[in-house]
C-alpha atoms as a PDB file:
ATOM      1  CA  UNK A   1     -36.414 -41.383 -14.247  1.00  0.00           C
ATOM      2  CA  UNK A   2     -35.031 -38.915 -11.677  1.00  0.00           C
ATOM      3  CA  UNK A   3     -31.819 -38.625 -13.575  1.00  0.00           C
ATOM      4  CA  UNK A   4     -33.582 -37.809 -16.801  1.00  0.00           C
ATOM      5  CA  UNK A   5     -35.378 -35.145 -14.693  1.00  0.00           C
ATOM      6  CA  UNK A   6     -31.952 -33.737 -13.824  1.00  0.00           C
ATOM      7  CA  UNK A   7     -30.867 -33.697 -17.491  1.00  0.00           C
ATOM      8  CA  UNK A   8     -34.121 -32.276 -18.762  1.00  0.00           C
ATOM      9  CA  UNK A   9     -34.004 -29.314 -16.097  1.00  0.00           C
ATOM     10  CA  UNK A  10     -30.580 -28.422 -16.925  1.00  0.00           C
ATOM     11  CA  UNK A  11     -31.402 -28.168 -20.628  1.00  0.00           C
ATOM     12  CA  UNK A  12     -34.440 -26.005 -19.997  1.00  0.00           C
ATOM     13  CA  UNK A  13     -32.389 -23.799 -17.512  1.00  0.00           C
ATOM     14  CA  UNK A  14     -29.747 -23.290 -20.244  1.00  0.00           C
ATOM     15  CA  UNK A  15     -32.387 -22.041 -22.817  1.00  0.00           C
ATOM     16  CA  UNK A  16     -34.194 -19.768 -20.277  1.00  0.00           C
ATOM     17  CA  UNK A  17     -30.944 -18.044 -19.227  1.00  0.00           C
ATOM     18  CA  UNK A  18     -30.316 -14.884 -21.284  1.00  0.00           C
ATOM     19  CA  UNK A  19     -27.942 -11.943 -20.973  1.00  0.00           C
ATOM     20  CA  UNK A  20     -28.478  -9.988 -17.754  1.00  0.00           C
ATOM     21  CA  UNK A  21     -29.569  -6.339 -18.480  1.00  0.00           C
ATOM     22  CA  UNK A  22     -30.635  -4.979 -15.102  1.00  0.00           C
ATOM     23  CA  UNK A  23     -30.133  -5.282 -11.417  1.00  0.00           C
ATOM     24  CA  UNK A  24     -33.527  -6.569 -11.015  1.00  0.00           C
ATOM     25  CA  UNK A  25     -32.941  -9.265 -13.542  1.00  0.00           C
ATOM     26  CA  UNK A  26     -29.583 -10.018 -11.886  1.00  0.00           C
ATOM     27  CA  UNK A  27     -31.358 -10.542  -8.537  1.00  0.00           C
ATOM     28  CA  UNK A  28     -34.109 -12.680  -9.975  1.00  0.00           C
ATOM     29  CA  UNK A  29     -31.536 -14.931 -11.749  1.00  0.00           C
ATOM     30  CA  UNK A  30     -29.536 -15.340  -8.495  1.00  0.00           C
ATOM     31  CA  UNK A  31     -32.725 -16.276  -6.634  1.00  0.00           C
ATOM     32  CA  UNK A  32     -33.665 -18.753  -9.426  1.00  0.00           C
ATOM     33  CA  UNK A  33     -29.973 -20.186  -9.333  1.00  0.00           C
ATOM     34  CA  UNK A  34     -30.250 -20.822  -5.509  1.00  0.00           C
ATOM     35  CA  UNK A  35     -33.656 -22.571  -6.071  1.00  0.00           C
ATOM     36  CA  UNK A  36     -32.550 -24.685  -8.874  1.00  0.00           C
ATOM     37  CA  UNK A  37     -29.190 -25.558  -7.061  1.00  0.00           C
ATOM     38  CA  UNK A  38     -31.379 -26.857  -4.216  1.00  0.00           C
ATOM     39  CA  UNK A  39     -33.480 -28.801  -6.377  1.00  0.00           C
ATOM     40  CA  UNK A  40     -30.493 -30.391  -8.153  1.00  0.00           C
ATOM     41  CA  UNK A  41     -29.228 -31.474  -4.818  1.00  0.00           C
ATOM     42  CA  UNK A  42     -32.526 -33.028  -3.681  1.00  0.00           C
ATOM     43  CA  UNK A  43     -33.031 -34.715  -7.153  1.00  0.00           C
ATOM     44  CA  UNK A  44     -29.432 -36.155  -6.824  1.00  0.00           C
ATOM     45  CA  UNK A  45     -30.180 -37.602  -3.474  1.00  0.00           C
ATOM     46  CA  UNK A  46     -33.303 -39.246  -4.653  1.00  0.00           C
ATOM     47  CA  UNK A  47     -31.330 -40.690  -7.587  1.00  0.00           C
ATOM     48  CA  UNK A  48     -28.900 -42.277  -5.252  1.00  0.00           C
ATOM     49  CA  UNK A  49     -31.818 -44.088  -3.583  1.00  0.00           C
ATOM     50  CA  UNK A  50     -32.928 -45.230  -6.875  1.00  0.00           C
ATOM     51  CA  UNK A  51     -29.444 -46.474  -7.819  1.00  0.00           C
ATOM     52  CA  UNK A  52     -29.017 -48.583  -4.693  1.00  0.00           C
ATOM     53  CA  UNK A  53     -32.092 -50.670  -5.785  1.00  0.00           C
ATOM     54  CA  UNK A  54     -30.517 -51.409  -9.242  1.00  0.00           C
ATOM     55  CA  UNK A  55     -27.966 -54.174 -10.162  1.00  0.00           C
ATOM     56  CA  UNK A  56     -25.379 -52.016 -11.569  1.00  0.00           C
ATOM     57  CA  UNK A  57     -25.136 -49.613  -8.604  1.00  0.00           C
ATOM     58  CA  UNK A  58     -21.710 -47.917  -9.288  1.00  0.00           C
ATOM     59  CA  UNK A  59     -22.798 -47.223 -12.965  1.00  0.00           C
ATOM     60  CA  UNK A  60     -25.922 -45.665 -12.019  1.00  0.00           C
ATOM     61  CA  UNK A  61     -24.219 -43.523  -9.335  1.00  0.00           C
ATOM     62  CA  UNK A  62     -21.620 -42.334 -11.655  1.00  0.00           C
ATOM     63  CA  UNK A  63     -24.180 -41.141 -14.162  1.00  0.00           C
ATOM     64  CA  UNK A  64     -26.151 -39.317 -11.484  1.00  0.00           C
ATOM     65  CA  UNK A  65     -23.056 -37.566 -10.017  1.00  0.00           C
ATOM     66  CA  UNK A  66     -22.135 -36.627 -13.621  1.00  0.00           C
ATOM     67  CA  UNK A  67     -25.460 -35.005 -14.426  1.00  0.00           C
ATOM     68  CA  UNK A  68     -25.491 -33.266 -11.028  1.00  0.00           C
ATOM     69  CA  UNK A  69     -22.062 -31.828 -11.750  1.00  0.00           C
ATOM     70  CA  UNK A  70     -22.965 -30.559 -15.222  1.00  0.00           C
ATOM     71  CA  UNK A  71     -26.116 -28.981 -13.750  1.00  0.00           C
ATOM     72  CA  UNK A  72     -24.323 -27.187 -10.890  1.00  0.00           C
ATOM     73  CA  UNK A  73     -21.626 -25.991 -13.270  1.00  0.00           C
ATOM     74  CA  UNK A  74     -24.344 -24.396 -15.596  1.00  0.00           C
ATOM     75  CA  UNK A  75     -25.909 -22.790 -12.488  1.00  0.00           C
ATOM     76  CA  UNK A  76     -22.490 -21.494 -11.370  1.00  0.00           C
ATOM     77  CA  UNK A  77     -22.040 -19.856 -14.880  1.00  0.00           C
ATOM     78  CA  UNK A  78     -25.434 -18.000 -14.466  1.00  0.00           C
ATOM     79  CA  UNK A  79     -24.451 -17.030 -11.013  1.00  0.00           C
ATOM     80  CA  UNK A  80     -21.193 -15.610 -11.931  1.00  0.00           C
ATOM     81  CA  UNK A  81     -22.986 -13.561 -15.001  1.00  0.00           C
ATOM     82  CA  UNK A  82     -25.371 -12.104 -12.543  1.00  0.00           C
ATOM     83  CA  UNK A  83     -22.858 -11.097  -9.937  1.00  0.00           C
ATOM     84  CA  UNK A  84     -20.501  -9.643 -12.645  1.00  0.00           C
ATOM     85  CA  UNK A  85     -23.421  -7.386 -13.848  1.00  0.00           C
ATOM     86  CA  UNK A  86     -24.188  -6.289 -10.310  1.00  0.00           C
ATOM     87  CA  UNK A  87     -20.536  -5.412  -9.560  1.00  0.00           C
ATOM     88  CA  UNK A  88     -20.217  -3.685 -12.866  1.00  0.00           C
ATOM     89  CA  UNK A  89     -23.350  -1.596 -12.100  1.00  0.00           C
ATOM     90  CA  UNK A  90     -22.020  -0.755  -8.584  1.00  0.00           C
ATOM     91  CA  UNK A  91     -18.660   0.511  -9.990  1.00  0.00           C
ATOM     92  CA  UNK A  92     -20.571   2.717 -12.402  1.00  0.00           C
ATOM     93  CA  UNK A  93     -22.666   4.122  -9.712  1.00  0.00           C
ATOM     94  CA  UNK A  94     -19.712   5.041  -7.733  1.00  0.00           C
ATOM     95  CA  UNK A  95     -17.904   6.601 -10.611  1.00  0.00           C
ATOM     96  CA  UNK A  96     -20.890   8.672 -11.286  1.00  0.00           C
ATOM     97  CA  UNK A  97     -21.245   9.800  -7.670  1.00  0.00           C
ATOM     98  CA  UNK A  98     -17.500  10.640  -7.372  1.00  0.00           C
ATOM     99  CA  UNK A  99     -17.637  12.573 -10.691  1.00  0.00           C
ATOM    100  CA  UNK A 100     -20.733  14.589  -9.437  1.00  0.00           C
ATOM    101  CA  UNK A 101     -19.003  15.218  -6.169  1.00  0.00           C
ATOM    102  CA  UNK A 102     -15.805  16.476  -7.936  1.00  0.00           C
ATOM    103  CA  UNK A 103     -17.614  18.711 -10.094  1.00  0.00           C
ATOM    104  CA  UNK A 104     -19.542  20.167  -7.068  1.00  0.00           C
ATOM    105  CA  UNK A 105     -16.133  20.760  -5.349  1.00  0.00           C
ATOM    106  CA  UNK A 106     -14.660  22.423  -8.420  1.00  0.00           C
ATOM    107  CA  UNK A 107     -17.509  24.734  -8.894  1.00  0.00           C
ATOM    108  CA  UNK A 108     -17.391  25.740  -5.102  1.00  0.00           C
ATOM    109  CA  UNK A 109     -13.557  26.241  -5.234  1.00  0.00           C
ATOM    110  CA  UNK A 110     -13.936  28.454  -8.356  1.00  0.00           C
ATOM    111  CA  UNK A 111     -16.692  30.463  -6.815  1.00  0.00           C
ATOM    112  CA  UNK A 112     -14.669  31.015  -3.579  1.00  0.00           C
ATOM    113  CA  UNK A 113     -11.710  32.091  -5.655  1.00  0.00           C
ATOM    114  CA  UNK A 114     -13.849  34.556  -7.765  1.00  0.00           C
ATOM    115  CA  UNK A 115     -15.530  35.827  -4.667  1.00  0.00           C
ATOM    116  CA  UNK A 116     -13.067  35.707  -1.846  1.00  0.00           C
ATOM    117  CA  UNK A 117     -14.385  36.629   1.674  1.00  0.00           C
ATOM    118  CA  UNK A 118     -14.022  40.093   2.985  1.00  0.00           C
ATOM    119  CA  UNK A 119     -10.780  40.525   4.740  1.00  0.00           C
ATOM    120  CA  UNK A 120     -11.256  40.470   8.573  1.00  0.00           C
ATOM    121  CA  UNK A 121     -10.263  43.680  10.273  1.00  0.00           C
ATOM    122  CA  UNK A 122      -7.552  43.167  12.913  1.00  0.00           C
ATOM    123  CA  UNK A 123      -7.800  45.750  15.616  1.00  0.00           C
ATOM    124  CA  UNK A 124      -4.010  45.985  15.520  1.00  0.00           C
ATOM    125  CA  UNK A 125      -4.294  47.202  11.977  1.00  0.00           C
ATOM    126  CA  UNK A 126      -6.470  50.088  12.815  1.00  0.00           C
ATOM    127  CA  UNK A 127      -4.915  53.455  11.987  1.00  0.00           C
ATOM    128  CA  UNK A 128      -3.053  54.746  15.156  1.00  0.00           C
ATOM    129  CA  UNK A 129      -2.669  58.312  16.122  1.00  0.00           C
ATOM    130  CA  UNK A 130      -0.102  59.835  13.874  1.00  0.00           C
ATOM    131  CA  UNK A 131       2.201  62.638  14.840  1.00  0.00           C
ATOM    132  CA  UNK A 132       0.914  65.993  13.627  1.00  0.00           C
ATOM    133  CA  UNK A 133       3.473  65.968  10.819  1.00  0.00           C
ATOM    134  CA  UNK A 134       1.783  62.866   9.178  1.00  0.00           C
ATOM    135  CA  UNK A 135      -0.266  63.998   6.050  1.00  0.00           C
ATOM    136  CA  UNK A 136      -3.673  62.693   5.283  1.00  0.00           C
ATOM    137  CA  UNK A 137      -2.400  61.548   1.844  1.00  0.00           C
ATOM    138  CA  UNK A 138       0.175  59.412   3.653  1.00  0.00           C
ATOM    139  CA  UNK A 139      -2.569  57.805   5.952  1.00  0.00           C
ATOM    140  CA  UNK A 140      -4.557  56.904   2.651  1.00  0.00           C
ATOM    141  CA  UNK A 141      -1.607  55.297   0.985  1.00  0.00           C
ATOM    142  CA  UNK A 142      -0.835  53.032   4.103  1.00  0.00           C
ATOM    143  CA  UNK A 143      -4.449  51.993   4.366  1.00  0.00           C
ATOM    144  CA  UNK A 144      -4.706  51.142   0.774  1.00  0.00           C
ATOM    145  CA  UNK A 145      -1.281  49.212   0.874  1.00  0.00           C
ATOM    146  CA  UNK A 146      -2.846  47.138   3.857  1.00  0.00           C
ATOM    147  CA  UNK A 147      -5.948  46.426   2.062  1.00  0.00           C
ATOM    148  CA  UNK A 148      -4.284  45.401  -1.014  1.00  0.00           C
ATOM    149  CA  UNK A 149      -1.945  43.021   1.076  1.00  0.00           C
ATOM    150  CA  UNK A 150      -5.075  41.427   2.582  1.00  0.00           C
ATOM    151  CA  UNK A 151      -6.800  40.899  -0.683  1.00  0.00           C
ATOM    152  CA  UNK A 152      -3.645  39.339  -2.244  1.00  0.00           C
ATOM    153  CA  UNK A 153      -3.306  36.954   0.646  1.00  0.00           C
ATOM    154  CA  UNK A 154      -6.918  35.960   0.415  1.00  0.00           C
ATOM    155  CA  UNK A 155      -6.631  35.254  -3.300  1.00  0.00           C
ATOM    156  CA  UNK A 156      -3.478  33.177  -2.657  1.00  0.00           C
ATOM    157  CA  UNK A 157      -5.257  31.147  -0.065  1.00  0.00           C
ATOM    158  CA  UNK A 158      -8.327  30.614  -2.400  1.00  0.00           C
ATOM    159  CA  UNK A 159      -5.760  29.449  -5.149  1.00  0.00           C
ATOM    160  CA  UNK A 160      -4.260  26.931  -2.676  1.00  0.00           C
ATOM    161  CA  UNK A 161      -7.514  25.533  -1.690  1.00  0.00           C
ATOM    162  CA  UNK A 162      -8.449  24.997  -5.376  1.00  0.00           C
ATOM    163  CA  UNK A 163      -5.333  23.280  -5.922  1.00  0.00           C
ATOM    164  CA  UNK A 164      -5.906  20.886  -3.056  1.00  0.00           C
ATOM    165  CA  UNK A 165      -9.370  20.153  -4.275  1.00  0.00           C
ATOM    166  CA  UNK A 166      -7.982  19.179  -7.774  1.00  0.00           C
ATOM    167  CA  UNK A 167      -5.413  17.141  -6.325  1.00  0.00           C
ATOM    168  CA  UNK A 168      -7.899  15.323  -4.056  1.00  0.00           C
ATOM    169  CA  UNK A 169     -10.301  14.735  -7.168  1.00  0.00           C
ATOM    170  CA  UNK A 170      -7.644  13.427  -9.215  1.00  0.00           C
ATOM    171  CA  UNK A 171      -6.549  10.836  -6.436  1.00  0.00           C
ATOM    172  CA  UNK A 172     -10.109   9.831  -6.029  1.00  0.00           C
ATOM    173  CA  UNK A 173     -10.632   9.165  -9.689  1.00  0.00           C
ATOM    174  CA  UNK A 174      -7.389   7.152  -9.919  1.00  0.00           C
ATOM    175  CA  UNK A 175      -8.373   5.052  -6.979  1.00  0.00           C
ATOM    176  CA  UNK A 176     -11.911   4.298  -8.584  1.00  0.00           C
ATOM    177  CA  UNK A 177     -10.252   3.428 -11.802  1.00  0.00           C
ATOM    178  CA  UNK A 178      -7.865   0.899 -10.126  1.00  0.00           C
ATOM    179  CA  UNK A 179     -10.776  -0.535  -8.334  1.00  0.00           C
ATOM    180  CA  UNK A 180     -12.627  -0.844 -11.527  1.00  0.00           C
ATOM    181  CA  UNK A 181      -9.894  -2.626 -13.306  1.00  0.00           C
ATOM    182  CA  UNK A 182      -9.381  -5.128 -10.403  1.00  0.00           C
ATOM    183  CA  UNK A 183     -13.150  -5.943 -10.355  1.00  0.00           C
ATOM    184  CA  UNK A 184     -13.148  -6.302 -14.081  1.00  0.00           C
ATOM    185  CA  UNK A 185     -10.235  -8.663 -14.173  1.00  0.00           C
ATOM    186  CA  UNK A 186     -11.593 -10.771 -11.279  1.00  0.00           C
ATOM    187  CA  UNK A 187     -14.951 -11.107 -13.017  1.00  0.00           C
ATOM    188  CA  UNK A 188     -13.288 -12.005 -16.261  1.00  0.00           C
ATOM    189  CA  UNK A 189     -11.223 -14.749 -14.598  1.00  0.00           C
ATOM    190  CA  UNK A 190     -14.467 -16.128 -12.906  1.00  0.00           C
ATOM    191  CA  UNK A 191     -16.312 -15.979 -16.154  1.00  0.00           C
ATOM    192  CA  UNK A 192     -13.637 -17.912 -17.954  1.00  0.00           C
ATOM    193  CA  UNK A 193     -13.290 -20.499 -15.232  1.00  0.00           C
ATOM    194  CA  UNK A 194     -17.119 -21.106 -15.216  1.00  0.00           C
ATOM    195  CA  UNK A 195     -17.058 -21.527 -19.155  1.00  0.00           C
ATOM    196  CA  UNK A 196     -14.336 -23.972 -18.819  1.00  0.00           C
ATOM    197  CA  UNK A 197     -16.103 -25.952 -16.191  1.00  0.00           C
ATOM    198  CA  UNK A 198     -19.309 -25.820 -18.235  1.00  0.00           C
ATOM    199  CA  UNK A 199     -17.553 -26.976 -21.378  1.00  0.00           C
ATOM    200  CA  UNK A 200     -15.951 -29.773 -19.450  1.00  0.00           C
ATOM    201  CA  UNK A 201     -19.277 -30.733 -17.851  1.00  0.00           C
ATOM    202  CA  UNK A 202     -21.023 -30.713 -21.282  1.00  0.00           C
ATOM    203  CA  UNK A 203     -18.139 -32.876 -22.912  1.00  0.00           C
ATOM    204  CA  UNK A 204     -18.385 -35.393 -20.128  1.00  0.00           C
ATOM    205  CA  UNK A 205     -22.173 -35.565 -20.168  1.00  0.00           C
ATOM    206  CA  UNK A 206     -21.854 -36.196 -23.971  1.00  0.00           C
ATOM    207  CA  UNK A 207     -19.350 -38.863 -23.558  1.00  0.00           C
ATOM    208  CA  UNK A 208     -21.619 -40.419 -20.761  1.00  0.00           C
ATOM    209  CA  UNK A 209     -24.608 -40.370 -23.136  1.00  0.00           C
ATOM    210  CA  UNK A 210     -22.586 -41.851 -25.808  1.00  0.00           C
ATOM    211  CA  UNK A 211     -21.437 -44.672 -23.559  1.00  0.00           C
ATOM    212  CA  UNK A 212     -24.957 -45.266 -22.498  1.00  0.00           C
ATOM    213  CA  UNK A 213     -26.160 -45.597 -26.044  1.00  0.00           C
ATOM    214  CA  UNK A 214     -23.334 -47.893 -26.957  1.00  0.00           C
ATOM    215  CA  UNK A 215     -24.177 -50.092 -23.935  1.00  0.00           C
ATOM    216  CA  UNK A 216     -27.804 -50.262 -24.840  1.00  0.00           C
ATOM    217  CA  UNK A 217     -26.905 -50.961 -28.500  1.00  0.00           C
ATOM    218  CA  UNK A 218     -24.989 -54.203 -27.095  1.00  0.00           C
END
């Protein structure tokens, strides 16, 4: 009777599980998996006690173990699906945050480049007393040249900062892409392995059921 409960619970679980579409649903599915896994272990322990009271102990234990393994494999598949969705969601959040930060940095850099700060006046650059022979026009020309030099230097520094910001943004985007590919590959491998385990469990369960029916027919 207990082994029948294990098989029935596993079937109901497979029907209830659907595609994960939100983080809340993923969390709820993980909590349910933990609960069902504990129940499966408890029911298996009870099935062992029932088997020890039967004449064909080993045959009874083998069936109980197979039912337990099939159910745990099914729960593992649900667990992998929920964790994969959460990892994919987290990667998407990091990508959006990185993109927003890069856009803000680019805007700030462009703003600084378009509006460079006023050049700081160096006391050493203040006009010094000139000999009487220096003409006012010459003073103005020298002052204008110094101002032009400061402006050009400020523009060059702003351009260099903008270049560094862009290089940093590119490196961050490449790093995020690499992390995303690694996470997706890992999740795909886990999903494939879980599907193989589930298929093998279903196959063995079917074979066990077929053997049981054949034995009953005799």
